[in-house]
Protein backbone atom coordinates (compact mmCIF):
# COMPACT_ATOMS: atom_id res chain seq x y z
CA MET A 1 -26.92 25.58 1.68
CA ALA A 2 -24.51 27.18 4.14
CA PHE A 3 -25.52 28.44 7.57
CA SER A 4 -23.62 31.28 9.18
CA ALA A 5 -23.43 30.62 12.91
CA SER A 6 -22.90 33.26 15.57
CA LEU A 7 -23.74 33.77 19.22
CA SER A 8 -26.91 35.53 18.16
CA ALA A 9 -28.01 32.44 16.24
CA PRO A 10 -28.92 29.81 18.84
CA ALA A 11 -28.25 26.16 18.06
CA ARG A 12 -29.67 23.10 19.75
CA PHE A 13 -27.96 19.76 20.14
CA HIS A 14 -29.86 16.58 20.95
CA ASN A 15 -27.74 13.71 22.16
CA HIS A 16 -28.06 10.05 21.38
CA PRO A 17 -25.94 6.96 21.98
CA HIS A 18 -24.03 7.63 18.86
CA LEU A 19 -25.12 10.92 17.48
CA LEU A 20 -25.07 14.64 18.02
CA ALA A 21 -27.56 17.05 16.55
CA PHE A 22 -27.08 20.52 15.20
CA SER A 23 -30.33 22.39 14.63
CA PRO A 24 -29.89 26.03 13.65
CA LYS A 25 -32.64 28.62 13.94
CA PRO A 26 -32.95 31.10 11.07
CA THR A 27 -31.63 34.60 11.76
CA PRO A 28 -31.30 37.75 9.65
CA THR A 29 -28.23 37.88 7.47
CA ILE A 30 -25.45 39.95 9.03
CA ARG A 31 -22.84 41.34 6.68
CA PRO A 32 -19.36 41.55 8.23
CA THR A 33 -17.61 44.89 8.10
CA LYS A 34 -14.35 43.23 7.18
CA PRO A 35 -13.48 39.93 5.50
CA THR A 36 -13.14 36.87 7.66
CA THR A 37 -11.64 33.50 6.90
CA PRO A 38 -14.37 30.89 7.08
CA PHE A 39 -13.78 27.25 7.87
CA ALA A 40 -16.25 24.44 7.37
CA ILE A 41 -17.41 22.29 10.24
CA PRO A 42 -18.70 18.86 9.22
CA PRO A 43 -22.39 18.53 10.13
CA LEU A 44 -23.16 16.34 13.11
CA SER A 45 -25.91 13.76 13.06
CA THR A 46 -29.38 14.42 14.48
CA ALA A 47 -32.54 12.50 15.13
CA ASP A 48 -34.53 15.31 16.67
CA VAL A 49 -34.49 17.99 14.00
CA ALA A 50 -37.53 19.80 12.69
CA ALA A 51 -38.46 19.34 9.06
CA THR A 52 -37.46 22.96 8.45
CA PHE A 53 -33.83 21.92 8.99
CA ASP A 54 -33.87 20.14 5.63
CA GLY A 55 -31.45 21.79 3.26
CA THR A 56 -29.03 23.02 5.93
CA THR A 57 -26.13 20.67 5.49
CA VAL A 58 -22.97 22.52 6.44
CA ALA A 59 -22.26 24.95 9.26
CA VAL A 60 -19.76 27.66 8.41
CA ILE A 61 -18.28 29.88 11.09
CA GLY A 62 -16.16 32.95 10.49
CA GLY A 63 -12.65 32.44 11.78
CA GLY A 64 -13.03 35.35 14.22
CA SER A 65 -16.04 33.64 15.85
CA VAL A 66 -13.99 30.89 17.46
CA ALA A 67 -12.57 33.13 20.19
CA ALA A 68 -16.02 34.56 20.92
CA LEU A 69 -17.47 31.08 21.17
CA ALA A 70 -14.73 29.95 23.51
CA ALA A 71 -15.35 32.95 25.76
CA ALA A 72 -19.07 32.30 25.88
CA LEU A 73 -18.55 28.63 26.60
CA SER A 74 -16.44 29.48 29.61
CA LEU A 75 -19.48 31.22 31.15
CA THR A 76 -21.88 28.30 30.82
CA ASP A 77 -22.65 25.76 33.49
CA PRO A 78 -23.69 22.55 31.68
CA GLU A 79 -22.74 20.47 34.72
CA LYS A 80 -25.43 22.14 36.81
CA ARG A 81 -27.99 21.47 34.10
CA ARG A 82 -26.94 17.82 33.97
CA ARG A 83 -27.13 17.43 37.73
CA LEU A 84 -30.67 18.79 37.72
CA GLN A 85 -31.58 16.45 34.89
CA ALA A 86 -30.24 13.47 36.84
CA GLU A 87 -32.03 14.56 40.00
CA GLU A 88 -35.33 14.59 38.14
CA VAL A 89 -35.07 10.83 37.57
CA GLY A 90 -33.42 10.12 40.91
CA GLY A 91 -30.05 8.96 39.66
CA ASP A 92 -26.94 9.61 37.57
CA ASP A 93 -26.15 9.49 33.85
CA LYS A 94 -27.28 5.88 33.72
CA GLU A 95 -30.72 6.68 35.08
CA VAL A 96 -31.07 9.57 32.64
CA VAL A 97 -30.29 7.20 29.78
CA ARG A 98 -32.69 4.56 31.10
CA GLU A 99 -35.49 7.11 31.47
CA TYR A 100 -34.89 8.66 28.07
CA PHE A 101 -34.83 5.40 26.11
CA ASN A 102 -37.89 4.06 27.87
CA ASN A 103 -39.91 7.15 26.89
CA THR A 104 -39.37 9.90 24.31
CA GLY A 105 -36.06 8.49 23.13
CA PHE A 106 -37.62 5.10 22.43
CA GLN A 107 -40.35 6.57 20.24
CA ARG A 108 -37.83 8.70 18.34
CA TRP A 109 -35.28 5.97 17.71
CA LYS A 110 -37.84 3.29 16.98
CA LYS A 111 -38.82 5.36 13.95
CA ILE A 112 -35.22 5.86 12.86
CA TYR A 113 -34.23 2.21 13.29
CA GLY A 114 -37.45 1.06 11.61
CA GLU A 115 -38.82 1.36 8.10
CA THR A 116 -41.56 3.94 8.54
CA ASP A 117 -41.74 6.83 6.12
CA GLU A 118 -42.61 9.18 8.98
CA VAL A 119 -39.10 10.56 9.23
CA ASN A 120 -37.60 13.76 7.94
CA ARG A 121 -34.63 13.96 5.60
CA VAL A 122 -32.10 14.19 8.40
CA GLN A 123 -33.57 11.23 10.27
CA ARG A 124 -33.58 9.19 7.07
CA ASP A 125 -29.91 10.01 6.57
CA ILE A 126 -29.13 8.84 10.10
CA ARG A 127 -31.01 5.61 9.40
CA VAL A 128 -28.73 5.04 6.42
CA GLY A 129 -25.64 5.79 8.50
CA HIS A 130 -26.66 3.45 11.30
CA SER A 131 -27.42 0.70 8.78
CA LYS A 132 -23.95 1.12 7.29
CA THR A 133 -22.36 0.74 10.72
CA VAL A 134 -24.32 -2.47 11.28
CA GLU A 135 -23.35 -3.74 7.82
CA ASN A 136 -19.69 -2.95 8.43
CA ALA A 137 -19.76 -4.72 11.79
CA ILE A 138 -21.31 -7.82 10.22
CA LYS A 139 -18.69 -7.75 7.48
CA MET A 140 -15.93 -7.66 10.11
CA LEU A 141 -17.52 -10.69 11.73
CA THR A 142 -18.08 -12.71 8.55
CA ASP A 143 -14.62 -12.00 7.13
CA GLU A 144 -13.37 -14.82 9.34
CA GLY A 145 -15.91 -17.31 7.97
CA SER A 146 -19.38 -18.56 8.84
CA LEU A 147 -21.04 -17.34 12.04
CA ARG A 148 -23.02 -20.53 12.50
CA GLY A 149 -22.68 -21.57 16.13
CA VAL A 150 -20.56 -18.53 17.06
CA THR A 151 -21.62 -16.97 20.36
CA VAL A 152 -22.08 -13.20 20.21
CA CYS A 153 -22.94 -10.71 22.92
CA ASP A 154 -24.73 -7.68 21.49
CA ALA A 155 -24.25 -5.15 24.29
CA GLY A 156 -26.70 -2.28 23.87
CA CYS A 157 -28.86 -4.00 21.26
CA GLY A 158 -31.48 -1.28 20.79
CA THR A 159 -34.33 -2.60 18.66
CA GLY A 160 -32.31 -5.57 17.40
CA SER A 161 -30.83 -4.06 14.24
CA LEU A 162 -27.64 -6.11 14.72
CA SER A 163 -28.91 -9.06 16.77
CA ILE A 164 -31.49 -10.15 14.21
CA PRO A 165 -29.11 -10.20 11.18
CA LEU A 166 -26.54 -12.08 13.29
CA ALA A 167 -29.15 -14.70 14.18
CA LYS A 168 -29.99 -15.05 10.48
CA GLU A 169 -26.29 -15.78 9.90
CA GLY A 170 -26.51 -18.64 12.40
CA ALA A 171 -24.90 -16.92 15.40
CA ILE A 172 -26.03 -17.67 18.96
CA VAL A 173 -26.86 -14.18 20.15
CA SER A 174 -27.25 -12.83 23.67
CA ALA A 175 -28.62 -9.30 23.40
CA SER A 176 -29.22 -6.72 26.09
CA ASP A 177 -30.19 -3.10 26.50
CA ILE A 178 -30.75 -0.78 29.46
CA SER A 179 -34.17 0.11 28.04
CA ALA A 180 -37.02 -2.33 28.63
CA ALA A 181 -38.93 -0.65 25.79
CA MET A 182 -36.07 -1.27 23.37
CA VAL A 183 -35.76 -4.91 24.42
CA ALA A 184 -39.49 -5.49 24.00
CA GLU A 185 -39.36 -4.02 20.50
CA ALA A 186 -36.29 -6.11 19.63
CA GLU A 187 -38.06 -9.29 20.73
CA LYS A 188 -41.12 -8.35 18.68
CA GLN A 189 -39.01 -7.69 15.58
CA ALA A 190 -37.05 -10.93 16.05
CA LYS A 191 -40.24 -13.02 16.21
CA GLU A 192 -41.59 -11.36 13.08
CA GLN A 193 -38.39 -11.75 11.08
CA LEU A 194 -36.96 -15.02 12.37
CA VAL A 195 -40.07 -17.08 13.04
CA ALA A 196 -42.83 -15.78 10.77
CA GLY A 197 -40.40 -15.12 7.93
CA LYS A 198 -38.48 -18.42 8.23
CA ASP A 199 -37.49 -20.18 5.01
CA GLU A 200 -38.57 -23.82 5.26
CA LEU A 201 -35.60 -24.95 3.16
CA SER A 202 -33.03 -23.34 5.48
CA PRO A 203 -32.12 -24.29 9.04
CA ALA A 204 -34.21 -22.39 11.56
CA PRO A 205 -32.19 -19.58 13.15
CA VAL A 206 -31.80 -19.59 16.90
CA MET A 207 -33.81 -16.79 18.48
CA PRO A 208 -31.58 -14.28 20.24
CA LYS A 209 -31.84 -14.25 24.02
CA PHE A 210 -32.91 -10.75 24.99
CA GLU A 211 -32.63 -9.24 28.45
CA VAL A 212 -32.86 -5.85 30.12
CA SER A 213 -29.44 -5.02 31.55
CA ASP A 214 -26.87 -2.26 31.73
CA LEU A 215 -23.38 -2.97 30.44
CA GLU A 216 -21.89 -3.16 33.92
CA SER A 217 -24.10 -6.14 34.83
CA LEU A 218 -23.23 -8.29 31.81
CA ASP A 219 -21.35 -11.50 32.51
CA GLY A 220 -20.44 -14.77 30.81
CA LYS A 221 -18.05 -15.63 28.01
CA TYR A 222 -18.63 -15.18 24.29
CA ASP A 223 -16.63 -15.72 21.13
CA THR A 224 -17.34 -12.12 20.18
CA VAL A 225 -18.67 -9.06 21.98
CA VAL A 226 -20.13 -6.19 19.95
CA CYS A 227 -21.02 -2.79 21.42
CA LEU A 228 -22.22 -0.29 18.84
CA ASP A 229 -22.66 3.38 19.66
CA VAL A 230 -23.02 3.01 23.42
CA LEU A 231 -19.74 4.52 24.62
CA ILE A 232 -21.20 7.97 23.99
CA HIS A 233 -22.86 7.59 27.41
CA TYR A 234 -19.52 7.14 29.21
CA PRO A 235 -16.89 9.78 30.01
CA GLN A 236 -13.40 8.60 29.13
CA ASN A 237 -12.45 7.47 32.65
CA LYS A 238 -15.56 5.28 32.82
CA ALA A 239 -15.24 4.25 29.19
CA ASP A 240 -11.82 2.78 29.98
CA GLY A 241 -13.37 0.55 32.63
CA MET A 242 -16.26 -0.40 30.36
CA ILE A 243 -13.92 -1.35 27.52
CA ALA A 244 -11.96 -3.51 29.96
CA HIS A 245 -15.19 -5.14 31.15
CA LEU A 246 -16.40 -5.89 27.62
CA ALA A 247 -12.98 -7.30 26.69
CA SER A 248 -13.17 -9.63 29.71
CA LEU A 249 -16.37 -11.13 28.25
CA ALA A 250 -14.84 -11.79 24.82
CA GLU A 251 -12.72 -14.81 23.95
CA LYS A 252 -11.71 -13.85 20.41
CA ARG A 253 -13.00 -10.47 19.24
CA LEU A 254 -14.40 -7.19 20.49
CA ILE A 255 -16.06 -4.76 18.08
CA LEU A 256 -16.77 -1.20 19.22
CA SER A 257 -18.18 1.89 17.56
CA PHE A 258 -18.12 5.36 19.05
CA ALA A 259 -18.61 9.03 18.23
CA PRO A 260 -15.17 10.36 17.25
CA LYS A 261 -13.72 13.25 19.20
CA THR A 262 -12.30 16.04 17.09
CA PHE A 263 -11.86 19.75 17.72
CA TYR A 264 -14.84 20.66 15.56
CA TYR A 265 -17.25 18.07 16.96
CA ASP A 266 -16.28 18.95 20.50
CA LEU A 267 -16.73 22.67 19.82
CA LEU A 268 -20.18 22.23 18.29
CA LYS A 269 -21.25 19.94 21.12
CA ARG A 270 -20.24 22.60 23.66
CA VAL A 271 -21.96 25.35 21.69
CA GLY A 272 -25.13 23.26 21.84
CA GLU A 273 -24.89 23.23 25.63
CA LEU A 274 -25.44 26.99 25.55
CA PHE A 275 -28.91 26.35 24.13
CA PRO A 276 -30.14 22.96 25.43
CA GLY A 277 -33.71 23.41 24.22
CA PRO A 278 -36.84 22.08 25.94
CA SER A 279 -36.50 18.38 25.11
CA LYS A 280 -34.86 15.92 27.47
CA ALA A 281 -31.73 14.33 26.07
CA THR A 282 -28.89 12.16 27.26
CA ARG A 283 -25.42 13.42 28.03
CA ALA A 284 -22.97 12.83 25.19
CA TYR A 285 -19.27 11.99 25.39
CA LEU A 286 -16.96 11.89 22.39
CA HIS A 287 -13.91 9.63 22.32
CA SER A 288 -10.68 9.84 20.38
CA GLU A 289 -9.47 6.72 18.66
CA ALA A 290 -6.16 7.06 20.50
CA ASP A 291 -7.92 6.92 23.89
CA VAL A 292 -9.92 3.84 22.88
CA GLU A 293 -6.79 2.14 21.59
CA ARG A 294 -4.93 2.97 24.80
CA ALA A 295 -7.72 1.46 26.90
CA LEU A 296 -7.60 -1.72 24.83
CA ARG A 297 -3.82 -2.04 25.07
CA LYS A 298 -4.04 -1.64 28.83
CA VAL A 299 -6.00 -4.90 29.08
CA GLY A 300 -3.92 -6.79 26.52
CA TRP A 301 -5.93 -6.20 23.35
CA ARG A 302 -4.97 -4.56 20.06
CA ILE A 303 -6.96 -3.06 17.21
CA ARG A 304 -6.83 -5.23 14.12
CA LYS A 305 -9.33 -3.48 11.85
CA ARG A 306 -10.61 0.07 11.67
CA GLY A 307 -13.46 1.72 9.84
CA LEU A 308 -15.36 4.96 9.62
CA THR A 309 -19.02 5.34 8.73
CA THR A 310 -20.00 8.76 7.45
CA THR A 311 -23.12 10.12 5.85
CA GLN A 312 -24.21 13.71 5.72
CA PHE A 313 -25.34 13.70 9.36
CA TYR A 314 -23.87 10.54 10.86
CA PHE A 315 -20.30 9.81 11.95
CA ALA A 316 -19.07 6.71 13.76
CA LYS A 317 -15.66 5.08 14.20
CA LEU A 318 -15.65 1.28 14.15
CA VAL A 319 -12.82 -0.88 15.46
CA GLU A 320 -12.26 -4.61 15.80
CA ALA A 321 -9.90 -5.66 18.59
CA VAL A 322 -8.30 -9.04 19.33
CA PRO A 323 -6.09 -10.31 22.14
CA ALA A 324 -2.54 -9.05 21.68
């Protein structure tokens, strides 16, 4: 089903560490007086979409709408809205993220990362996409051989969707997240899956070490550092520093995933800022692969493997970097 977007058809975007949401509201059909050249915009992922969104899979905008959108965007003041949002929690982007993922964001993403059936079609699709990213990251890691005894830092572990499978593979995992609620859930899931579900004939996996921490506070040295879908919280200038920091913790490999920056994704994200909706959400930053690669080269690393996870509503670039 195609959706015809215009300035009279508000759209809401809800941001997440690795996702953007496009939630159109139904409007009366408007017939153009003259033909326009439509172009398709790939749908962006969403975890906060009403069940009525099911069936809307592609946004189509008439070619003549782009100029109108650009003009409207120039009149918005998303920065003011973001400053007010940060002031509410007494901090900056980091505090907004911490607050969100300790409250409404935790409840929302716990459902998506989990196995409950209480998700709509879009959320289920995002679950599949996220699982594919985790699977692809594990494949990158296991391509080099067994993970038994390999030290891994899972930076931004969420509910443990990567940490727990890595522990099952024999890795020694140090996992952290800025959200205490996420860390508590990850620990709970790890105990259920690694202790209660242990196979007596196999060596007992080492429980991951979980801690509440932001990325900036991480230290130590690890064979591999993995950071999935967290860079969306960092503008490019700060992302450069964060990539350098994560690389300084890794001895052999650094695996990153991020929301790719393209013209269409950036346009839809900005359109969403016109209609932020009532729910609290985190600020989202997209990153081009070229910018990520440049940041890695600056600290003496190079990309060795690349991947792209796409479902109907989920898009994530995945790269594996090694010392140059």
